[in-house]
Amino acid sequence: MNAVFTSLTGLTLQSPAWLIALVLIPIAAWFGARRGRASATFAPGVFLDPRPPISWRVVLLPAPLVLHTFGLVLLVVALARPARRVALPMENNGIDIVLCLDTSSSMLATDLAAGRTRLDVAKEAAQEFVERREHDRIALVRFARYPDIRCPPTLDHDALGAILGAVETVVPDGPEDATGIGTAVARAAEVLGERSATSRVVVLLTDGEENVATSDRPTEISPVHAAQLCERLGVRVYTIAVGVGRTGVDGRVVALDTAQVEKLSRRTGGQFFAAPDAATLDAVYGEIDRLETRPRPEERFRVEEAYGVLLALAIGLCVSGRVLGLTVLRVLP
C-alpha cells in the first residue's frame, strides 16, 4: 500500500501500519448514519405530501457525515506520517589526482609507437585514464624546466581532456628544455595539499632524469625534497618512466637512472613503473586505476515530514462537519 501511495502522491509513509485504522472508518460512518435516523414515526405517510419540496438543507443533509468521514481518513493518513525525500548533492570526498606530464623535447621521440611521439602516446593513455575516473577531481601539471598548472583539480573531464590534448613540448634546446622532476612534484603536492579529499595522488610521467636540481645548484628542489613534502601532506606519487632510455652525448641510447624517482615513489607510498612501449603504458595506467579504488558516492536524501497539512485539514473537516450538524443542518428527532 505504501508503494501505491508513493506512486500517487510522491510521498512515503513513515508509519504505514496506521493505515489499518482505515477499515474502522466505514464502520464508524455506518453507526453515525444509523444514529441520525428518527427513532419513531410521528405521522403516517398518508398525511404527507407525496412530493414534498426539496430544500438546499435536505440536499446537504449528508454533508456532516461526509466531512467527518473524510476528516477521519486524512487523520489516519497524517498518523502514518507521510514525508517527501529531497535529494541532496552527492558528496565527493574521494580522490584528487594530479597528472604530472613531462613536456621536455625528448618527449618527441617515437620509440613507444611507430610514427607517434612519446607525448602523443602519453596524452592518449592519460585521457583514457581520466575517462575511467569519472568521480574524481583531476588536475594537470605540465613541466620541463618549470612546472605549469594547466588545469586545477576538476570534475569537468571534458574541459580537462581539451586542455590535455593541446599540451605540446617546449622548444628543443630552449631555456625551458630541461627536466625538473622535484620542482614539478612539489608543485603538484602543494596543489593537492590545499584540498580536503581523503586521498591525494600524483601520477608522474617522465622520460628523463632530474637535471635541474644538481649538485652545483643546491637551492633547487630535488626528488628527495619533493618526497619529504609529499610525506608531510599525505600525497602518494606513482612514477611512470616511458621510453627505452635517453640519448647520450655520443648519440647512443643510455638506460635511464631511475633511482631517484623510484625512491620518491616508495617513500610516498606509491609505486614505480617502467613503460617501454604504448601497450605497457596503457597497462600501467590500468594498474594505477586498480590500485586507487574508492567507494562511489551514494545518493543522499533529506526527509521532510508532510503530515502537518493533512492533520490541519483533517481537524478542519471534522470541526466543520460538527458545526454544520449542530447548526444549519441539525436534524431534530
C-alpha atoms as a PDB file:
ATOM      1  CA  MET A   1       0.000   0.000   0.000  1.00  0.00           C
ATOM      2  CA  ASN A   2       2.905   2.298   0.730  1.00  0.00           C
ATOM      3  CA  ALA A   3       4.156   1.821  -2.833  1.00  0.00           C
ATOM      4  CA  VAL A   4       0.734   2.744  -4.236  1.00  0.00           C
ATOM      5  CA  PHE A   5       0.577   5.829  -2.018  1.00  0.00           C
ATOM      6  CA  THR A   6       4.063   6.887  -3.136  1.00  0.00           C
ATOM      7  CA  SER A   7       3.233   6.425  -6.818  1.00  0.00           C
ATOM      8  CA  LEU A   8       0.075   8.556  -6.435  1.00  0.00           C
ATOM      9  CA  THR A   9       1.425  11.354  -4.241  1.00  0.00           C
ATOM     10  CA  GLY A  10       5.201  11.219  -4.416  1.00  0.00           C
ATOM     11  CA  LEU A  11       5.262  10.896  -0.607  1.00  0.00           C
ATOM     12  CA  THR A  12       6.465   7.998   1.524  1.00  0.00           C
ATOM     13  CA  LEU A  13       4.677   6.834   4.670  1.00  0.00           C
ATOM     14  CA  GLN A  14       6.997   6.578   7.669  1.00  0.00           C
ATOM     15  CA  SER A  15       4.470   4.636   9.814  1.00  0.00           C
ATOM     16  CA  PRO A  16       2.238   2.809   7.314  1.00  0.00           C
ATOM     17  CA  ALA A  17       0.795   0.471   9.980  1.00  0.00           C
ATOM     18  CA  TRP A  18      -1.632   3.233  10.915  1.00  0.00           C
ATOM     19  CA  LEU A  19      -3.444   2.644   7.609  1.00  0.00           C
ATOM     20  CA  ILE A  20      -5.043  -0.427   9.181  1.00  0.00           C
ATOM     21  CA  ALA A  21      -7.300   2.013  11.024  1.00  0.00           C
ATOM     22  CA  LEU A  22      -8.919   2.951   7.704  1.00  0.00           C
ATOM     23  CA  VAL A  23     -11.084  -0.190   7.905  1.00  0.00           C
ATOM     24  CA  LEU A  24     -12.733   1.229  11.045  1.00  0.00           C
ATOM     25  CA  ILE A  25     -13.931   4.376   9.316  1.00  0.00           C
ATOM     26  CA  PRO A  26     -16.775   2.744   7.282  1.00  0.00           C
ATOM     27  CA  ILE A  27     -17.987   1.078  10.481  1.00  0.00           C
ATOM     28  CA  ALA A  28     -17.994   4.413  12.295  1.00  0.00           C
ATOM     29  CA  ALA A  29     -19.795   6.049   9.359  1.00  0.00           C
ATOM     30  CA  TRP A  30     -22.448   3.326   9.378  1.00  0.00           C
ATOM     31  CA  PHE A  31     -23.138   3.807  13.090  1.00  0.00           C
ATOM     32  CA  GLY A  32     -23.232   7.566  12.576  1.00  0.00           C
ATOM     33  CA  ALA A  33     -25.806   7.221   9.809  1.00  0.00           C
ATOM     34  CA  ARG A  34     -27.979   4.940  11.948  1.00  0.00           C
ATOM     35  CA  ARG A  35     -27.828   7.295  14.888  1.00  0.00           C
ATOM     36  CA  GLY A  36     -29.097  10.095  12.652  1.00  0.00           C
ATOM     37  CA  ARG A  37     -32.325   8.226  11.829  1.00  0.00           C
ATOM     38  CA  ALA A  38     -35.556   9.052  13.645  1.00  0.00           C
ATOM     39  CA  SER A  39     -36.359   6.602  16.405  1.00  0.00           C
ATOM     40  CA  ALA A  40     -40.149   6.980  15.952  1.00  0.00           C
ATOM     41  CA  THR A  41     -42.623   7.835  13.227  1.00  0.00           C
ATOM     42  CA  PHE A  42     -44.798  10.818  14.195  1.00  0.00           C
ATOM     43  CA  ALA A  43     -47.334  10.692  11.363  1.00  0.00           C
ATOM     44  CA  PRO A  44     -48.464   8.112   8.870  1.00  0.00           C
ATOM     45  CA  GLY A  45     -47.185   8.620   5.386  1.00  0.00           C
ATOM     46  CA  VAL A  46     -50.736   9.114   4.036  1.00  0.00           C
ATOM     47  CA  PHE A  47     -50.917  12.531   5.684  1.00  0.00           C
ATOM     48  CA  LEU A  48     -47.760  13.738   3.914  1.00  0.00           C
ATOM     49  CA  ASP A  49     -47.474  15.443   0.561  1.00  0.00           C
ATOM     50  CA  PRO A  50     -46.362  12.720  -1.851  1.00  0.00           C
ATOM     51  CA  ARG A  51     -43.913  15.171  -3.369  1.00  0.00           C
ATOM     52  CA  PRO A  52     -42.606  17.381  -0.559  1.00  0.00           C
ATOM     53  CA  PRO A  53     -40.381  20.296  -1.635  1.00  0.00           C
ATOM     54  CA  ILE A  54     -36.636  19.592  -1.580  1.00  0.00           C
ATOM     55  CA  SER A  55     -34.671  22.433   0.007  1.00  0.00           C
ATOM     56  CA  TRP A  56     -30.932  23.011  -0.002  1.00  0.00           C
ATOM     57  CA  ARG A  57     -30.825  21.829   3.603  1.00  0.00           C
ATOM     58  CA  VAL A  58     -32.265  18.485   2.567  1.00  0.00           C
ATOM     59  CA  VAL A  59     -29.686  18.174  -0.219  1.00  0.00           C
ATOM     60  CA  LEU A  60     -26.809  18.982   2.166  1.00  0.00           C
ATOM     61  CA  LEU A  61     -28.087  16.784   4.952  1.00  0.00           C
ATOM     62  CA  PRO A  62     -25.341  14.118   4.435  1.00  0.00           C
ATOM     63  CA  ALA A  63     -22.604  16.803   4.483  1.00  0.00           C
ATOM     64  CA  PRO A  64     -21.668  16.482   8.193  1.00  0.00           C
ATOM     65  CA  LEU A  65     -21.221  12.721   7.870  1.00  0.00           C
ATOM     66  CA  VAL A  66     -19.201  13.107   4.652  1.00  0.00           C
ATOM     67  CA  LEU A  67     -16.976  15.763   6.224  1.00  0.00           C
ATOM     68  CA  HIS A  68     -16.451  13.635   9.322  1.00  0.00           C
ATOM     69  CA  THR A  69     -15.569  10.618   7.183  1.00  0.00           C
ATOM     70  CA  PHE A  70     -13.019  12.438   5.022  1.00  0.00           C
ATOM     71  CA  GLY A  71     -11.615  14.107   8.121  1.00  0.00           C
ATOM     72  CA  LEU A  72     -11.035  10.753   9.766  1.00  0.00           C
ATOM     73  CA  VAL A  73      -9.392   9.403   6.590  1.00  0.00           C
ATOM     74  CA  LEU A  74      -6.989  12.353   6.498  1.00  0.00           C
ATOM     75  CA  LEU A  75      -6.327  11.958  10.216  1.00  0.00           C
ATOM     76  CA  VAL A  76      -5.301   8.327   9.743  1.00  0.00           C
ATOM     77  CA  VAL A  77      -3.068   9.247   6.800  1.00  0.00           C
ATOM     78  CA  ALA A  78      -1.476  12.012   8.904  1.00  0.00           C
ATOM     79  CA  LEU A  79      -0.788   9.481  11.688  1.00  0.00           C
ATOM     80  CA  ALA A  80       1.005   7.343   9.079  1.00  0.00           C
ATOM     81  CA  ARG A  81       3.479  10.258   8.793  1.00  0.00           C
ATOM     82  CA  PRO A  82       3.740  10.981   5.075  1.00  0.00           C
ATOM     83  CA  ALA A  83       7.073  12.536   4.126  1.00  0.00           C
ATOM     84  CA  ARG A  84       8.927  13.532   0.988  1.00  0.00           C
ATOM     85  CA  ARG A  85      12.515  12.626   0.207  1.00  0.00           C
ATOM     86  CA  VAL A  86      14.511  15.604  -1.029  1.00  0.00           C
ATOM     87  CA  ALA A  87      17.667  14.648  -2.919  1.00  0.00           C
ATOM     88  CA  LEU A  88      20.875  16.198  -1.604  1.00  0.00           C
ATOM     89  CA  PRO A  89      24.019  16.825  -3.642  1.00  0.00           C
ATOM     90  CA  MET A  90      26.264  13.775  -3.680  1.00  0.00           C
ATOM     91  CA  GLU A  91      29.371  14.191  -1.603  1.00  0.00           C
ATOM     92  CA  ASN A  92      32.629  13.628  -3.378  1.00  0.00           C
ATOM     93  CA  ASN A  93      35.210  13.159  -0.668  1.00  0.00           C
ATOM     94  CA  GLY A  94      37.267  10.748  -2.735  1.00  0.00           C
ATOM     95  CA  ILE A  95      40.474  11.001  -4.676  1.00  0.00           C
ATOM     96  CA  ASP A  96      42.140  14.116  -6.019  1.00  0.00           C
ATOM     97  CA  ILE A  97      44.681  13.320  -8.723  1.00  0.00           C
ATOM     98  CA  VAL A  98      47.330  15.429 -10.445  1.00  0.00           C
ATOM     99  CA  LEU A  99      48.660  14.241 -13.779  1.00  0.00           C
ATOM    100  CA  CYS A 100      52.231  15.490 -13.878  1.00  0.00           C
ATOM    101  CA  LEU A 101      53.337  15.318 -17.519  1.00  0.00           C
ATOM    102  CA  ASP A 102      56.872  15.775 -18.820  1.00  0.00           C
ATOM    103  CA  THR A 103      56.971  18.086 -21.869  1.00  0.00           C
ATOM    104  CA  SER A 104      60.695  18.349 -22.436  1.00  0.00           C
ATOM    105  CA  SER A 105      61.845  17.981 -26.053  1.00  0.00           C
ATOM    106  CA  SER A 106      62.883  14.353 -25.504  1.00  0.00           C
ATOM    107  CA  MET A 107      59.156  13.523 -25.470  1.00  0.00           C
ATOM    108  CA  LEU A 108      59.260  13.975 -29.253  1.00  0.00           C
ATOM    109  CA  ALA A 109      60.961  10.574 -29.607  1.00  0.00           C
ATOM    110  CA  THR A 110      58.945   7.897 -31.406  1.00  0.00           C
ATOM    111  CA  ASP A 111      60.059   4.725 -29.642  1.00  0.00           C
ATOM    112  CA  LEU A 112      56.753   3.989 -27.845  1.00  0.00           C
ATOM    113  CA  ALA A 113      54.711   3.526 -31.026  1.00  0.00           C
ATOM    114  CA  ALA A 114      55.659   3.773 -34.678  1.00  0.00           C
ATOM    115  CA  GLY A 115      55.021   7.222 -36.122  1.00  0.00           C
ATOM    116  CA  ARG A 116      53.817   8.704 -32.829  1.00  0.00           C
ATOM    117  CA  THR A 117      55.730  10.750 -30.317  1.00  0.00           C
ATOM    118  CA  ARG A 118      56.085   9.813 -26.688  1.00  0.00           C
ATOM    119  CA  LEU A 119      53.976  12.820 -25.780  1.00  0.00           C
ATOM    120  CA  ASP A 120      51.120  11.826 -28.095  1.00  0.00           C
ATOM    121  CA  VAL A 121      51.054   8.297 -26.710  1.00  0.00           C
ATOM    122  CA  ALA A 122      51.238   9.608 -23.138  1.00  0.00           C
ATOM    123  CA  LYS A 123      48.373  12.047 -23.708  1.00  0.00           C
ATOM    124  CA  GLU A 124      46.147   9.354 -25.197  1.00  0.00           C
ATOM    125  CA  ALA A 125      46.831   6.948 -22.317  1.00  0.00           C
ATOM    126  CA  ALA A 126      46.239   9.713 -19.758  1.00  0.00           C
ATOM    127  CA  GLN A 127      42.962  10.634 -21.444  1.00  0.00           C
ATOM    128  CA  GLU A 128      41.712   7.047 -21.187  1.00  0.00           C
ATOM    129  CA  PHE A 129      42.718   7.034 -17.527  1.00  0.00           C
ATOM    130  CA  VAL A 130      40.743  10.244 -16.924  1.00  0.00           C
ATOM    131  CA  GLU A 131      37.652   8.733 -18.552  1.00  0.00           C
ATOM    132  CA  ARG A 132      37.782   5.815 -16.119  1.00  0.00           C
ATOM    133  CA  ARG A 133      37.954   8.169 -13.109  1.00  0.00           C
ATOM    134  CA  GLU A 134      34.625   9.920 -13.673  1.00  0.00           C
ATOM    135  CA  HIS A 135      34.019  10.624  -9.975  1.00  0.00           C
ATOM    136  CA  ASP A 136      37.481  12.006  -9.170  1.00  0.00           C
ATOM    137  CA  ARG A 137      38.814  15.536  -9.344  1.00  0.00           C
ATOM    138  CA  ILE A 138      41.828  15.560 -11.655  1.00  0.00           C
ATOM    139  CA  ALA A 139      44.362  18.292 -12.342  1.00  0.00           C
ATOM    140  CA  LEU A 140      47.070  18.656 -14.974  1.00  0.00           C
ATOM    141  CA  VAL A 141      50.602  19.945 -14.463  1.00  0.00           C
ATOM    142  CA  ARG A 142      52.988  20.044 -17.395  1.00  0.00           C
ATOM    143  CA  PHE A 143      56.657  20.510 -16.691  1.00  0.00           C
ATOM    144  CA  ALA A 144      60.062  20.771 -18.238  1.00  0.00           C
ATOM    145  CA  ARG A 145      62.446  23.203 -16.535  1.00  0.00           C
ATOM    146  CA  TYR A 146      59.488  24.761 -14.693  1.00  0.00           C
ATOM    147  CA  PRO A 147      56.097  23.324 -13.688  1.00  0.00           C
ATOM    148  CA  ASP A 148      52.957  24.880 -15.115  1.00  0.00           C
ATOM    149  CA  ILE A 149      49.467  24.190 -13.723  1.00  0.00           C
ATOM    150  CA  ARG A 150      47.364  23.860 -16.858  1.00  0.00           C
ATOM    151  CA  CYS A 151      44.188  22.725 -15.083  1.00  0.00           C
ATOM    152  CA  PRO A 152      43.309  22.766 -11.356  1.00  0.00           C
ATOM    153  CA  PRO A 153      41.513  19.764  -9.805  1.00  0.00           C
ATOM    154  CA  THR A 154      38.168  19.475 -11.583  1.00  0.00           C
ATOM    155  CA  LEU A 155      35.284  17.115 -12.270  1.00  0.00           C
ATOM    156  CA  ASP A 156      34.841  18.663 -15.715  1.00  0.00           C
ATOM    157  CA  HIS A 157      36.787  15.974 -17.503  1.00  0.00           C
ATOM    158  CA  ASP A 158      35.707  17.192 -20.935  1.00  0.00           C
ATOM    159  CA  ALA A 159      37.469  20.507 -20.297  1.00  0.00           C
ATOM    160  CA  LEU A 160      40.462  18.674 -18.860  1.00  0.00           C
ATOM    161  CA  GLY A 161      40.622  16.461 -21.957  1.00  0.00           C
ATOM    162  CA  ALA A 162      40.643  19.501 -24.234  1.00  0.00           C
ATOM    163  CA  ILE A 163      43.477  21.074 -22.231  1.00  0.00           C
ATOM    164  CA  LEU A 164      45.404  17.808 -22.183  1.00  0.00           C
ATOM    165  CA  GLY A 165      45.061  17.400 -25.927  1.00  0.00           C
ATOM    166  CA  ALA A 166      46.556  20.863 -26.514  1.00  0.00           C
ATOM    167  CA  VAL A 167      49.725  20.220 -24.491  1.00  0.00           C
ATOM    168  CA  GLU A 168      52.924  20.491 -26.542  1.00  0.00           C
ATOM    169  CA  THR A 169      56.610  20.066 -25.796  1.00  0.00           C
ATOM    170  CA  VAL A 170      58.821  23.035 -25.045  1.00  0.00           C
ATOM    171  CA  VAL A 171      61.152  24.402 -27.714  1.00  0.00           C
ATOM    172  CA  PRO A 172      64.077  21.991 -28.194  1.00  0.00           C
ATOM    173  CA  ASP A 173      67.316  23.297 -26.646  1.00  0.00           C
ATOM    174  CA  GLY A 174      65.464  26.372 -25.417  1.00  0.00           C
ATOM    175  CA  PRO A 175      65.772  27.877 -21.923  1.00  0.00           C
ATOM    176  CA  GLU A 176      62.962  25.632 -20.643  1.00  0.00           C
ATOM    177  CA  ASP A 177      64.216  22.406 -22.186  1.00  0.00           C
ATOM    178  CA  ALA A 178      65.223  20.539 -19.027  1.00  0.00           C
ATOM    179  CA  THR A 179      63.686  18.047 -16.603  1.00  0.00           C
ATOM    180  CA  GLY A 180      62.805  19.454 -13.175  1.00  0.00           C
ATOM    181  CA  ILE A 181      61.100  16.456 -11.601  1.00  0.00           C
ATOM    182  CA  GLY A 182      61.474  17.576  -7.982  1.00  0.00           C
ATOM    183  CA  THR A 183      60.037  21.032  -8.619  1.00  0.00           C
ATOM    184  CA  ALA A 184      57.122  19.602 -10.610  1.00  0.00           C
ATOM    185  CA  VAL A 185      56.171  17.026  -7.968  1.00  0.00           C
ATOM    186  CA  ALA A 186      56.473  19.607  -5.190  1.00  0.00           C
ATOM    187  CA  ARG A 187      54.161  21.973  -7.062  1.00  0.00           C
ATOM    188  CA  ALA A 188      51.644  19.177  -7.651  1.00  0.00           C
ATOM    189  CA  ALA A 189      51.792  18.239  -3.970  1.00  0.00           C
ATOM    190  CA  GLU A 190      51.112  21.839  -2.990  1.00  0.00           C
ATOM    191  CA  VAL A 191      48.014  21.868  -5.178  1.00  0.00           C
ATOM    192  CA  LEU A 192      46.754  18.671  -3.554  1.00  0.00           C
ATOM    193  CA  GLY A 193      47.694  19.822  -0.067  1.00  0.00           C
ATOM    194  CA  GLU A 194      45.085  22.582  -0.358  1.00  0.00           C
ATOM    195  CA  ARG A 195      42.327  20.016  -0.976  1.00  0.00           C
ATOM    196  CA  SER A 196      40.132  18.198   1.559  1.00  0.00           C
ATOM    197  CA  ALA A 197      39.995  14.879  -0.301  1.00  0.00           C
ATOM    198  CA  THR A 198      40.507  11.707   1.701  1.00  0.00           C
ATOM    199  CA  SER A 199      43.111  10.528  -0.814  1.00  0.00           C
ATOM    200  CA  ARG A 200      45.593  12.572  -2.862  1.00  0.00           C
ATOM    201  CA  VAL A 201      47.680  11.153  -5.700  1.00  0.00           C
ATOM    202  CA  VAL A 202      50.280  12.392  -8.184  1.00  0.00           C
ATOM    203  CA  VAL A 203      50.827  10.407 -11.381  1.00  0.00           C
ATOM    204  CA  LEU A 204      54.234  11.489 -12.669  1.00  0.00           C
ATOM    205  CA  LEU A 205      55.115  10.601 -16.257  1.00  0.00           C
ATOM    206  CA  THR A 206      58.610  11.353 -17.483  1.00  0.00           C
ATOM    207  CA  ASP A 207      61.164  10.073 -19.962  1.00  0.00           C
ATOM    208  CA  GLY A 208      64.186  11.697 -18.361  1.00  0.00           C
ATOM    209  CA  GLU A 209      66.257  12.173 -15.246  1.00  0.00           C
ATOM    210  CA  GLU A 210      66.364  15.091 -12.836  1.00  0.00           C
ATOM    211  CA  ASN A 211      68.832  17.574 -14.362  1.00  0.00           C
ATOM    212  CA  VAL A 212      67.715  20.826 -12.698  1.00  0.00           C
ATOM    213  CA  ALA A 213      68.403  20.036  -9.027  1.00  0.00           C
ATOM    214  CA  THR A 214      72.039  19.046  -9.360  1.00  0.00           C
ATOM    215  CA  SER A 215      74.996  19.229  -7.015  1.00  0.00           C
ATOM    216  CA  ASP A 216      76.045  22.604  -8.414  1.00  0.00           C
ATOM    217  CA  ARG A 217      72.502  24.005  -7.845  1.00  0.00           C
ATOM    218  CA  PRO A 218      71.750  23.042  -4.225  1.00  0.00           C
ATOM    219  CA  THR A 219      68.861  25.516  -3.888  1.00  0.00           C
ATOM    220  CA  GLU A 220      66.699  23.647  -6.397  1.00  0.00           C
ATOM    221  CA  ILE A 221      64.075  21.153  -5.241  1.00  0.00           C
ATOM    222  CA  SER A 222      65.274  17.612  -5.796  1.00  0.00           C
ATOM    223  CA  PRO A 223      63.058  14.496  -5.959  1.00  0.00           C
ATOM    224  CA  VAL A 224      64.149  13.678  -2.396  1.00  0.00           C
ATOM    225  CA  HIS A 225      62.957  17.063  -1.149  1.00  0.00           C
ATOM    226  CA  ALA A 226      59.690  16.614  -3.064  1.00  0.00           C
ATOM    227  CA  ALA A 227      59.239  13.226  -1.394  1.00  0.00           C
ATOM    228  CA  GLN A 228      59.593  14.836   2.025  1.00  0.00           C
ATOM    229  CA  LEU A 229      56.906  17.378   1.152  1.00  0.00           C
ATOM    230  CA  CYS A 230      54.592  14.656  -0.165  1.00  0.00           C
ATOM    231  CA  GLU A 231      55.070  12.658   3.020  1.00  0.00           C
ATOM    232  CA  ARG A 232      54.085  15.650   5.121  1.00  0.00           C
ATOM    233  CA  LEU A 233      50.985  16.380   3.013  1.00  0.00           C
ATOM    234  CA  GLY A 234      49.891  12.743   2.665  1.00  0.00           C
ATOM    235  CA  VAL A 235      50.362  12.624  -1.119  1.00  0.00           C
ATOM    236  CA  ARG A 236      51.221   9.376  -2.923  1.00  0.00           C
ATOM    237  CA  VAL A 237      53.321   9.516  -6.060  1.00  0.00           C
ATOM    238  CA  TYR A 238      53.148   6.963  -8.874  1.00  0.00           C
ATOM    239  CA  THR A 239      56.020   7.364 -11.298  1.00  0.00           C
ATOM    240  CA  ILE A 240      55.949   6.151 -14.904  1.00  0.00           C
ATOM    241  CA  ALA A 241      59.233   6.176 -16.809  1.00  0.00           C
ATOM    242  CA  VAL A 242      58.453   5.944 -20.531  1.00  0.00           C
ATOM    243  CA  GLY A 243      60.728   5.070 -23.438  1.00  0.00           C
ATOM    244  CA  VAL A 244      63.742   2.834 -23.831  1.00  0.00           C
ATOM    245  CA  GLY A 245      66.185   5.388 -22.475  1.00  0.00           C
ATOM    246  CA  ARG A 246      67.793   8.732 -23.237  1.00  0.00           C
ATOM    247  CA  THR A 247      70.205   9.692 -25.950  1.00  0.00           C
ATOM    248  CA  GLY A 248      73.741  10.159 -24.657  1.00  0.00           C
ATOM    249  CA  VAL A 249      76.292  12.721 -25.809  1.00  0.00           C
ATOM    250  CA  ASP A 250      77.706  10.244 -28.308  1.00  0.00           C
ATOM    251  CA  GLY A 251      74.247   9.576 -29.829  1.00  0.00           C
ATOM    252  CA  ARG A 252      73.802   6.184 -28.255  1.00  0.00           C
ATOM    253  CA  VAL A 253      70.734   5.270 -26.171  1.00  0.00           C
ATOM    254  CA  VAL A 254      71.552   5.143 -22.489  1.00  0.00           C
ATOM    255  CA  ALA A 255      69.309   3.498 -19.921  1.00  0.00           C
ATOM    256  CA  LEU A 256      67.633   5.923 -17.547  1.00  0.00           C
ATOM    257  CA  ASP A 257      68.850   6.264 -13.994  1.00  0.00           C
ATOM    258  CA  THR A 258      65.524   5.879 -12.160  1.00  0.00           C
ATOM    259  CA  ALA A 259      66.941   5.576  -8.651  1.00  0.00           C
ATOM    260  CA  GLN A 260      65.663   8.995  -7.530  1.00  0.00           C
ATOM    261  CA  VAL A 261      62.111   8.604  -8.821  1.00  0.00           C
ATOM    262  CA  GLU A 262      61.883   5.039  -7.521  1.00  0.00           C
ATOM    263  CA  LYS A 263      62.841   6.279  -4.069  1.00  0.00           C
ATOM    264  CA  LEU A 264      60.336   9.121  -4.437  1.00  0.00           C
ATOM    265  CA  SER A 265      57.503   6.678  -5.150  1.00  0.00           C
ATOM    266  CA  ARG A 266      58.408   4.229  -2.401  1.00  0.00           C
ATOM    267  CA  ARG A 267      58.795   6.928   0.228  1.00  0.00           C
ATOM    268  CA  THR A 268      55.347   8.404  -0.508  1.00  0.00           C
ATOM    269  CA  GLY A 269      53.524   5.067  -0.588  1.00  0.00           C
ATOM    270  CA  GLY A 270      53.222   4.924  -4.374  1.00  0.00           C
ATOM    271  CA  GLN A 271      54.882   2.709  -6.954  1.00  0.00           C
ATOM    272  CA  PHE A 272      57.340   2.997  -9.822  1.00  0.00           C
ATOM    273  CA  PHE A 273      56.563   1.657 -13.306  1.00  0.00           C
ATOM    274  CA  ALA A 274      58.625   1.379 -16.494  1.00  0.00           C
ATOM    275  CA  ALA A 275      56.739   1.633 -19.803  1.00  0.00           C
ATOM    276  CA  PRO A 276      58.971   0.975 -22.828  1.00  0.00           C
ATOM    277  CA  ASP A 277      56.031   0.885 -25.260  1.00  0.00           C
ATOM    278  CA  ALA A 278      52.433   2.082 -25.695  1.00  0.00           C
ATOM    279  CA  ALA A 279      50.822  -1.205 -24.666  1.00  0.00           C
ATOM    280  CA  THR A 280      52.769  -1.311 -21.412  1.00  0.00           C
ATOM    281  CA  LEU A 281      51.860   2.316 -20.710  1.00  0.00           C
ATOM    282  CA  ASP A 282      48.156   1.515 -21.076  1.00  0.00           C
ATOM    283  CA  ALA A 283      48.594  -1.409 -18.699  1.00  0.00           C
ATOM    284  CA  VAL A 284      50.393   0.793 -16.175  1.00  0.00           C
ATOM    285  CA  TYR A 285      47.539   3.311 -16.106  1.00  0.00           C
ATOM    286  CA  GLY A 286      45.137   0.399 -15.698  1.00  0.00           C
ATOM    287  CA  GLU A 287      47.133  -0.846 -12.718  1.00  0.00           C
ATOM    288  CA  ILE A 288      47.120   2.602 -11.100  1.00  0.00           C
ATOM    289  CA  ASP A 289      43.373   2.780 -11.683  1.00  0.00           C
ATOM    290  CA  ARG A 290      43.001  -0.572  -9.918  1.00  0.00           C
ATOM    291  CA  LEU A 291      45.215   0.439  -7.010  1.00  0.00           C
ATOM    292  CA  GLU A 292      43.418   3.727  -6.403  1.00  0.00           C
ATOM    293  CA  THR A 293      39.884   2.458  -5.963  1.00  0.00           C
ATOM    294  CA  ARG A 294      37.320   4.002  -3.637  1.00  0.00           C
ATOM    295  CA  PRO A 295      33.580   3.637  -2.961  1.00  0.00           C
ATOM    296  CA  ARG A 296      31.389   5.518  -5.391  1.00  0.00           C
ATOM    297  CA  PRO A 297      29.380   8.372  -3.865  1.00  0.00           C
ATOM    298  CA  GLU A 298      25.927   7.288  -2.748  1.00  0.00           C
ATOM    299  CA  GLU A 299      22.692   9.158  -3.192  1.00  0.00           C
ATOM    300  CA  ARG A 300      21.650  11.110  -0.101  1.00  0.00           C
ATOM    301  CA  PHE A 301      18.220  12.383   0.865  1.00  0.00           C
ATOM    302  CA  ARG A 302      16.684  14.691   3.440  1.00  0.00           C
ATOM    303  CA  VAL A 303      13.315  13.564   4.840  1.00  0.00           C
ATOM    304  CA  GLU A 304      10.729  16.346   5.143  1.00  0.00           C
ATOM    305  CA  GLU A 305       7.607  15.478   7.154  1.00  0.00           C
ATOM    306  CA  ALA A 306       4.353  16.382   5.364  1.00  0.00           C
ATOM    307  CA  TYR A 307       1.741  15.312   7.906  1.00  0.00           C
ATOM    308  CA  GLY A 308       1.149  18.821   9.247  1.00  0.00           C
ATOM    309  CA  VAL A 309      -1.018  19.987   6.359  1.00  0.00           C
ATOM    310  CA  LEU A 310      -3.049  16.762   6.392  1.00  0.00           C
ATOM    311  CA  LEU A 311      -3.566  16.975  10.155  1.00  0.00           C
ATOM    312  CA  ALA A 312      -4.782  20.570   9.942  1.00  0.00           C
ATOM    313  CA  LEU A 313      -7.109  19.692   7.072  1.00  0.00           C
ATOM    314  CA  ALA A 314      -8.470  16.649   8.957  1.00  0.00           C
ATOM    315  CA  ILE A 315      -9.231  18.755  12.034  1.00  0.00           C
ATOM    316  CA  GLY A 316     -10.836  21.414   9.845  1.00  0.00           C
ATOM    317  CA  LEU A 317     -13.129  18.891   8.134  1.00  0.00           C
ATOM    318  CA  CYS A 318     -14.190  17.264  11.400  1.00  0.00           C
ATOM    319  CA  VAL A 319     -14.875  20.605  13.077  1.00  0.00           C
ATOM    320  CA  SER A 320     -16.791  21.854  10.008  1.00  0.00           C
ATOM    321  CA  GLY A 321     -18.948  18.719   9.958  1.00  0.00           C
ATOM    322  CA  ARG A 322     -19.632  19.050  13.664  1.00  0.00           C
ATOM    323  CA  VAL A 323     -20.570  22.735  13.375  1.00  0.00           C
ATOM    324  CA  LEU A 324     -22.897  22.085  10.424  1.00  0.00           C
ATOM    325  CA  GLY A 325     -24.527  19.183  12.234  1.00  0.00           C
ATOM    326  CA  LEU A 326     -25.251  21.379  15.262  1.00  0.00           C
ATOM    327  CA  THR A 327     -26.459  24.433  13.353  1.00  0.00           C
ATOM    328  CA  VAL A 328     -27.976  24.782   9.888  1.00  0.00           C
ATOM    329  CA  LEU A 329     -28.077  21.027   9.183  1.00  0.00           C
ATOM    330  CA  ARG A 330     -29.213  19.940  12.581  1.00  0.00           C
ATOM    331  CA  VAL A 331     -31.763  17.135  12.487  1.00  0.00           C
ATOM    332  CA  LEU A 332     -34.352  17.134  15.239  1.00  0.00           C
ATOM    333  CA  PRO A 333     -35.892  13.871  16.498  1.00  0.00           C
END
